[in-house]
Amino acid sequence: MKKWLKRLFIFVIILMVLGFLSSVLSRLPVGERVAVIKVKGAIIEPDKIVEKIQKAKEDESVKALVLRIDSPGGSVGASQEIYRALEDFKTSGKPLVVSMGNVCASGGYYISAPADVIFANPGTITGSIGVIVQHTELKALLERLGIRTTAIKTGKFKDTLSPFRELSEEEKVYLQKTIEDAYNQFLQAILKYRSKKISDEKLREIADGRVFTGRVAKDLGLVDELGNLQDAINRAKQLAGVPKARVFYMEERRGLLRRLMEEDLQGFGLDYPLMLYYIMK
């Protein structure tokens, strides 16, 4: 019995060492590699994703990029920064393939648009093409508590979306025009790369905030293929002509405390009352 346990222990140690070596070797910038970048959760802080995309572009060993997205969307500006970084990546001539996870909606779909091929699972939730800005009014509650606020401002729109008062009709018109502009930017970003798959007329018909399964999205022309992450990786290898390329996951090594303190627990727009979102609601 003791010999059996000893052999099992040695076997486990060997597996752990081999796994560690495999992880280390996959990170070495040698040979031919396919990089995988994960975009998970709300798209609010784009800097780290943009940095990884840039590294994948500059790394000569990286022959293709797979973007694995599991996100309900995020802020307009952050989504646009990632979208632009992906456009810059494409100037390298390297294939870009998107793999949609459980959810790839709104801003998540926005950053998918530049891909050469978009994969989704049949049950992936995607779409939700639209823009939203929200206003929470606390005026009645504060009055009940005997709290009053006064705003001294330089212009009539300076405190638009203040929770301490109602929105005026003029402000509602102004905000509607603002989100319509962001909405049109969304549509144009999609059509720039998918006009051969879906017409402007059809896109506007379905881009009313509704969500679709991956299967329906494929029928509509929003998605190219049904498949999982491995299918996307295999297609990236095929497009790059590197069937034996190693797969490299460009993930950060973060401790538990750092993970808890960073983006996964960040709220939406806590510091910015007026924020436009490409996000599923």
Protein backbone atom coordinates (compact mmCIF):
# COMPACT_ATOMS: atom_id res chain seq x y z
CA MET A 1 0.00 0.00 0.00
CA LYS A 2 2.80 2.35 0.87
CA LYS A 3 4.55 1.62 -2.44
CA TRP A 4 1.32 2.36 -4.32
CA LEU A 5 0.92 5.71 -2.55
CA LYS A 6 4.54 6.58 -3.20
CA ARG A 7 4.19 5.82 -6.91
CA LEU A 8 0.99 7.85 -7.08
CA PHE A 9 2.70 10.77 -5.36
CA ILE A 10 5.63 10.63 -7.79
CA PHE A 11 3.22 10.44 -10.73
CA VAL A 12 1.32 13.52 -9.53
CA ILE A 13 4.58 15.43 -9.06
CA ILE A 14 5.68 14.53 -12.58
CA LEU A 15 2.36 15.73 -13.99
CA MET A 16 2.66 19.01 -12.10
CA VAL A 17 6.22 19.55 -13.35
CA LEU A 18 5.22 18.75 -16.93
CA GLY A 19 2.26 21.13 -16.66
CA PHE A 20 4.52 23.87 -15.32
CA LEU A 21 7.09 23.32 -18.06
CA SER A 22 4.37 23.32 -20.70
CA SER A 23 3.07 26.64 -19.36
CA VAL A 24 6.56 28.14 -19.34
CA LEU A 25 7.39 26.87 -22.84
CA SER A 26 4.14 28.21 -24.25
CA ARG A 27 5.15 31.68 -23.06
CA LEU A 28 8.53 31.64 -24.74
CA PRO A 29 8.41 33.80 -27.89
CA VAL A 30 9.84 31.11 -30.15
CA GLY A 31 8.37 28.97 -32.88
CA GLU A 32 4.85 29.54 -34.17
CA ARG A 33 2.13 30.46 -31.70
CA VAL A 34 -1.55 31.38 -31.64
CA ALA A 35 -2.32 33.91 -28.90
CA VAL A 36 -5.58 33.78 -26.96
CA ILE A 37 -6.76 36.91 -25.12
CA LYS A 38 -9.74 36.67 -22.78
CA VAL A 39 -12.18 39.55 -22.35
CA LYS A 40 -14.30 38.70 -19.35
CA GLY A 41 -16.88 40.77 -17.50
CA ALA A 42 -17.90 44.38 -18.06
CA ILE A 43 -15.71 46.34 -20.46
CA ILE A 44 -14.85 49.38 -18.37
CA GLU A 45 -11.05 49.55 -18.16
CA PRO A 46 -9.59 48.69 -21.60
CA ASP A 47 -5.90 49.44 -21.00
CA LYS A 48 -4.72 45.92 -20.15
CA ILE A 49 -6.60 44.33 -23.03
CA VAL A 50 -5.26 46.95 -25.45
CA GLU A 51 -1.72 46.33 -24.17
CA LYS A 52 -2.05 42.57 -24.77
CA ILE A 53 -3.38 43.13 -28.29
CA GLN A 54 -0.41 45.38 -29.05
CA LYS A 55 2.03 42.76 -27.74
CA ALA A 56 0.40 40.10 -29.89
CA LYS A 57 0.81 42.36 -32.91
CA GLU A 58 4.48 43.04 -32.25
CA ASP A 59 5.44 39.47 -31.28
CA GLU A 60 6.77 37.80 -34.42
CA SER A 61 6.15 34.34 -32.98
CA VAL A 62 2.41 35.08 -32.74
CA LYS A 63 0.88 34.16 -36.09
CA ALA A 64 -2.79 34.66 -35.20
CA LEU A 65 -4.97 36.03 -32.42
CA VAL A 66 -8.10 34.52 -30.89
CA LEU A 67 -10.21 36.86 -28.78
CA ARG A 68 -12.31 34.90 -26.28
CA ILE A 69 -15.18 37.14 -25.16
CA ASP A 70 -17.54 36.53 -22.27
CA SER A 71 -19.01 39.95 -21.58
CA PRO A 72 -22.39 41.72 -21.42
CA GLY A 73 -20.74 44.86 -22.81
CA GLY A 74 -19.52 48.01 -21.13
CA SER A 75 -18.85 51.68 -21.64
CA VAL A 76 -18.82 53.16 -25.13
CA GLY A 77 -15.34 54.65 -24.86
CA ALA A 78 -13.73 51.48 -23.50
CA SER A 79 -15.34 49.32 -26.19
CA GLN A 80 -14.13 51.71 -28.88
CA GLU A 81 -10.57 51.62 -27.56
CA ILE A 82 -10.44 47.83 -27.82
CA TYR A 83 -12.10 47.93 -31.24
CA ARG A 84 -9.46 50.38 -32.47
CA ALA A 85 -6.64 48.25 -31.03
CA LEU A 86 -8.00 45.26 -32.95
CA GLU A 87 -8.12 47.32 -36.15
CA ASP A 88 -4.48 48.19 -35.57
CA PHE A 89 -3.68 44.51 -34.98
CA LYS A 90 -5.20 43.63 -38.36
CA THR A 91 -2.68 45.88 -40.12
CA SER A 92 -0.10 43.22 -39.25
CA GLY A 93 -1.83 40.83 -41.63
CA LYS A 94 -2.29 38.26 -38.87
CA PRO A 95 -5.70 36.54 -38.68
CA LEU A 96 -8.11 37.63 -35.96
CA VAL A 97 -10.77 35.18 -34.79
CA VAL A 98 -13.41 35.77 -32.10
CA SER A 99 -14.83 33.05 -29.88
CA MET A 100 -18.00 34.01 -28.00
CA GLY A 101 -18.56 32.37 -24.62
CA ASN A 102 -21.75 32.42 -22.54
CA VAL A 103 -22.54 36.06 -23.31
CA CYS A 104 -21.08 38.38 -25.91
CA ALA A 105 -23.54 41.22 -26.10
CA SER A 106 -23.62 44.93 -26.84
CA GLY A 107 -20.05 46.21 -26.33
CA GLY A 108 -18.91 42.60 -26.42
CA TYR A 109 -20.35 42.31 -29.91
CA TYR A 110 -18.91 45.71 -30.82
CA ILE A 111 -15.35 44.51 -30.24
CA SER A 112 -16.11 41.29 -32.15
CA ALA A 113 -16.93 43.10 -35.37
CA PRO A 114 -13.37 43.49 -36.77
CA ALA A 115 -12.72 39.72 -36.63
CA ASP A 116 -12.04 37.74 -39.78
CA VAL A 117 -14.28 34.99 -38.39
CA ILE A 118 -16.72 35.12 -35.46
CA PHE A 119 -17.57 31.87 -33.67
CA ALA A 120 -20.43 31.48 -31.21
CA ASN A 121 -21.92 28.53 -29.40
CA PRO A 122 -25.50 27.75 -30.47
CA GLY A 123 -26.70 28.95 -27.06
CA THR A 124 -24.42 31.98 -26.72
CA ILE A 125 -26.35 35.17 -25.91
CA THR A 126 -25.28 37.94 -28.25
CA GLY A 127 -26.69 41.02 -29.97
CA SER A 128 -28.22 43.65 -27.64
CA ILE A 129 -27.03 46.26 -30.13
CA GLY A 130 -27.87 49.66 -28.72
CA VAL A 131 -26.88 52.43 -26.34
CA ILE A 132 -28.17 53.27 -22.88
CA VAL A 133 -27.73 56.09 -20.40
CA GLN A 134 -29.49 55.83 -17.05
CA HIS A 135 -30.81 58.35 -14.58
CA THR A 136 -31.80 57.61 -10.99
CA GLU A 137 -33.80 60.35 -9.28
CA LEU A 138 -33.63 60.64 -5.48
CA LYS A 139 -35.39 63.97 -5.10
CA ALA A 140 -38.61 62.68 -3.47
CA LEU A 141 -36.70 60.42 -1.10
CA LEU A 142 -34.35 63.18 -0.01
CA GLU A 143 -37.24 65.59 0.55
CA ARG A 144 -38.88 63.06 2.86
CA LEU A 145 -35.63 62.95 4.81
CA GLY A 146 -35.51 66.73 4.95
CA ILE A 147 -32.48 66.96 2.69
CA ARG A 148 -32.27 69.64 0.02
CA THR A 149 -29.57 70.27 -2.54
CA THR A 150 -28.59 73.32 -4.54
CA ALA A 151 -26.43 73.35 -7.68
CA ILE A 152 -24.54 76.48 -8.74
CA LYS A 153 -23.64 75.93 -12.39
CA THR A 154 -22.31 77.73 -15.45
CA GLY A 155 -24.73 76.24 -17.95
CA LYS A 156 -28.18 74.66 -18.00
CA PHE A 157 -26.84 71.21 -18.91
CA LYS A 158 -23.95 71.13 -16.44
CA ASP A 159 -25.80 68.98 -13.89
CA THR A 160 -27.74 66.85 -16.34
CA LEU A 161 -28.41 63.42 -14.80
CA SER A 162 -28.07 64.78 -11.29
CA PRO A 163 -29.96 62.38 -9.00
CA PHE A 164 -31.24 65.34 -7.00
CA ARG A 165 -33.77 66.59 -9.55
CA GLU A 166 -35.96 65.56 -12.45
CA LEU A 167 -34.75 65.65 -16.02
CA SER A 168 -36.26 68.49 -18.05
CA GLU A 169 -37.82 67.76 -21.44
CA GLU A 170 -34.99 69.72 -23.06
CA GLU A 171 -32.44 67.50 -21.32
CA LYS A 172 -34.23 64.36 -22.47
CA VAL A 173 -34.05 65.57 -26.08
CA TYR A 174 -30.37 66.45 -25.67
CA LEU A 175 -29.55 63.03 -24.19
CA GLN A 176 -31.52 61.23 -26.88
CA LYS A 177 -29.52 63.00 -29.58
CA THR A 178 -26.31 62.07 -27.79
CA ILE A 179 -27.09 58.37 -27.59
CA GLU A 180 -28.38 58.35 -31.19
CA ASP A 181 -24.95 59.52 -32.30
CA ALA A 182 -23.26 56.76 -30.28
CA TYR A 183 -25.79 54.27 -31.68
CA ASN A 184 -24.97 55.23 -35.26
CA GLN A 185 -21.28 54.84 -34.46
CA PHE A 186 -22.06 51.30 -33.27
CA LEU A 187 -23.87 50.43 -36.50
CA GLN A 188 -21.13 51.86 -38.68
CA ALA A 189 -18.49 49.93 -36.72
CA ILE A 190 -20.36 46.70 -37.47
CA LEU A 191 -21.02 47.48 -41.13
CA LYS A 192 -17.39 48.40 -41.73
CA TYR A 193 -16.49 44.71 -41.45
CA ARG A 194 -19.79 42.87 -41.93
CA SER A 195 -21.61 44.69 -44.73
CA LYS A 196 -21.25 41.59 -46.94
CA LYS A 197 -23.03 39.50 -44.30
CA ILE A 198 -25.77 41.89 -43.21
CA SER A 199 -27.23 44.98 -44.90
CA ASP A 200 -27.63 48.39 -43.29
CA GLU A 201 -31.41 48.04 -43.52
CA LYS A 202 -31.44 44.60 -41.88
CA LEU A 203 -29.02 45.65 -39.17
CA ARG A 204 -31.15 48.65 -38.20
CA GLU A 205 -34.21 46.42 -38.12
CA ILE A 206 -32.69 44.05 -35.53
CA ALA A 207 -30.48 46.54 -33.65
CA ASP A 208 -33.14 47.54 -31.15
CA GLY A 209 -31.53 46.11 -28.04
CA ARG A 210 -32.88 42.57 -28.42
CA VAL A 211 -30.62 39.58 -27.81
CA PHE A 212 -30.18 36.47 -29.94
CA THR A 213 -28.84 32.98 -29.48
CA GLY A 214 -25.69 32.15 -31.39
CA ARG A 215 -27.72 30.06 -33.84
CA VAL A 216 -30.10 32.91 -34.67
CA ALA A 217 -27.19 35.38 -34.85
CA LYS A 218 -25.55 33.16 -37.47
CA ASP A 219 -28.74 33.12 -39.56
CA LEU A 220 -28.86 36.93 -39.33
CA GLY A 221 -25.24 37.36 -40.39
CA LEU A 222 -23.95 38.64 -37.05
CA VAL A 223 -21.93 35.45 -36.51
CA ASP A 224 -20.00 33.37 -39.05
CA GLU A 225 -19.72 29.91 -37.51
CA LEU A 226 -21.11 27.84 -34.65
CA GLY A 227 -18.37 26.34 -32.51
CA ASN A 228 -16.39 26.54 -29.30
CA LEU A 229 -13.04 28.02 -28.36
CA GLN A 230 -11.09 25.09 -29.78
CA ASP A 231 -12.90 25.47 -33.10
CA ALA A 232 -11.88 29.13 -33.15
CA ILE A 233 -8.26 28.24 -32.38
CA ASN A 234 -8.22 25.64 -35.14
CA ARG A 235 -9.62 28.17 -37.63
CA ALA A 236 -6.99 30.72 -36.58
CA LYS A 237 -4.25 28.14 -37.24
CA GLN A 238 -5.79 27.36 -40.61
CA LEU A 239 -6.02 31.02 -41.63
CA ALA A 240 -2.43 31.63 -40.57
CA GLY A 241 -1.19 28.45 -42.25
CA VAL A 242 0.36 27.15 -39.02
CA PRO A 243 -1.42 23.85 -38.20
CA LYS A 244 1.15 22.87 -35.57
CA ALA A 245 1.36 26.23 -33.81
CA ARG A 246 1.36 26.26 -30.01
CA VAL A 247 -1.50 27.97 -28.17
CA PHE A 248 -0.51 30.83 -25.87
CA TYR A 249 -3.00 32.25 -23.37
CA MET A 250 -2.05 35.86 -22.66
CA GLU A 251 -3.27 35.92 -19.08
CA GLU A 252 -1.99 37.94 -16.18
CA ARG A 253 -0.78 36.19 -13.07
CA ARG A 254 -2.74 37.88 -10.28
CA GLY A 255 -3.08 37.01 -6.65
CA LEU A 256 -6.47 36.63 -4.97
CA LEU A 257 -6.32 40.04 -3.29
CA ARG A 258 -5.46 41.78 -6.54
CA ARG A 259 -8.28 40.01 -8.37
CA LEU A 260 -10.76 41.09 -5.71
CA MET A 261 -9.55 44.69 -5.83
CA GLU A 262 -9.64 45.10 -9.60
CA GLU A 263 -12.18 45.32 -12.41
CA ASP A 264 -14.43 42.38 -11.56
CA LEU A 265 -15.91 44.27 -8.61
CA GLN A 266 -15.92 47.72 -10.12
CA GLY A 267 -19.28 49.42 -10.49
CA PHE A 268 -20.63 51.05 -13.60
CA GLY A 269 -19.96 54.73 -13.81
CA LEU A 270 -19.63 55.40 -10.11
CA ASP A 271 -17.22 58.22 -10.86
CA TYR A 272 -18.96 59.42 -14.02
CA PRO A 273 -22.67 60.30 -13.70
CA LEU A 274 -22.98 60.83 -17.47
CA MET A 275 -21.71 57.63 -19.05
CA LEU A 276 -22.90 55.98 -22.25
CA TYR A 277 -22.97 52.20 -22.33
CA TYR A 278 -22.99 49.49 -24.94
CA ILE A 279 -24.27 47.01 -22.37
CA MET A 280 -26.97 44.39 -22.14
CA LYS A 281 -29.78 45.40 -19.79
